[in-house]
Protein backbone atom coordinates (compact mmCIF):
# COMPACT_ATOMS: atom_id res chain seq x y z
CA MET A 1 -27.14 99.47 -20.57
CA GLU A 2 -29.40 101.25 -23.04
CA ARG A 3 -28.72 100.70 -26.70
CA GLN A 4 -29.04 103.62 -29.12
CA THR A 5 -29.83 103.34 -32.81
CA ALA A 6 -29.03 105.90 -35.47
CA GLU A 7 -30.77 106.66 -38.74
CA ILE A 8 -28.52 106.28 -41.79
CA GLN A 9 -29.35 107.23 -45.38
CA ILE A 10 -27.51 105.11 -47.95
CA GLU A 11 -27.12 105.87 -51.67
CA LEU A 12 -25.37 103.18 -53.72
CA ASP A 13 -23.42 103.69 -56.95
CA VAL A 14 -23.72 107.49 -57.05
CA PRO A 15 -22.01 108.67 -60.28
CA ALA A 16 -19.35 111.40 -60.33
CA GLN A 17 -18.05 112.44 -63.75
CA MET A 18 -14.38 113.39 -63.90
CA ARG A 19 -12.93 116.08 -66.19
CA ASP A 20 -11.68 113.45 -68.66
CA GLY A 21 -15.19 111.98 -68.97
CA THR A 22 -14.56 108.92 -66.77
CA VAL A 23 -17.45 108.15 -64.45
CA LEU A 24 -16.57 106.95 -60.96
CA ARG A 25 -19.24 105.51 -58.69
CA ALA A 26 -19.37 105.77 -54.91
CA ASP A 27 -21.53 104.53 -52.05
CA VAL A 28 -22.62 107.48 -49.90
CA TYR A 29 -23.61 107.02 -46.24
CA ARG A 30 -25.24 109.98 -44.48
CA PRO A 31 -26.49 110.29 -40.92
CA GLY A 32 -30.12 111.27 -40.51
CA GLY A 33 -31.08 114.54 -38.89
CA ALA A 34 -29.69 118.04 -39.07
CA GLY A 35 -25.95 118.58 -39.57
CA PRO A 36 -23.36 119.81 -40.02
CA TRP A 37 -21.52 116.48 -40.10
CA PRO A 38 -17.85 115.69 -40.67
CA VAL A 39 -16.82 113.85 -43.84
CA LEU A 40 -14.90 110.58 -43.98
CA LEU A 41 -13.43 109.60 -47.34
CA SER A 42 -12.13 106.12 -48.08
CA ARG A 43 -10.46 105.48 -51.44
CA LEU A 44 -9.20 102.11 -52.63
CA PRO A 45 -7.61 101.01 -55.90
CA TYR A 46 -9.92 97.97 -55.89
CA GLY A 47 -13.68 97.47 -56.18
CA LYS A 48 -16.01 98.88 -53.54
CA GLN A 49 -17.10 95.40 -52.47
CA THR A 50 -13.57 94.28 -51.55
CA ARG A 51 -13.25 93.41 -47.87
CA ARG A 52 -10.71 95.30 -45.81
CA PRO A 53 -8.77 93.61 -42.99
């Protein structure tokens, strides 16, 4: 069986300023190559480094 690898671009702690001035930070993972690509959004009320079951 041949194993395939994919290129992934990772940006950590990307800031996004909300209307009330609060700055939220996100980790953004993008596939390499030409798109278009679908978007997956995961939101948690805890820190980004919290493990999920």
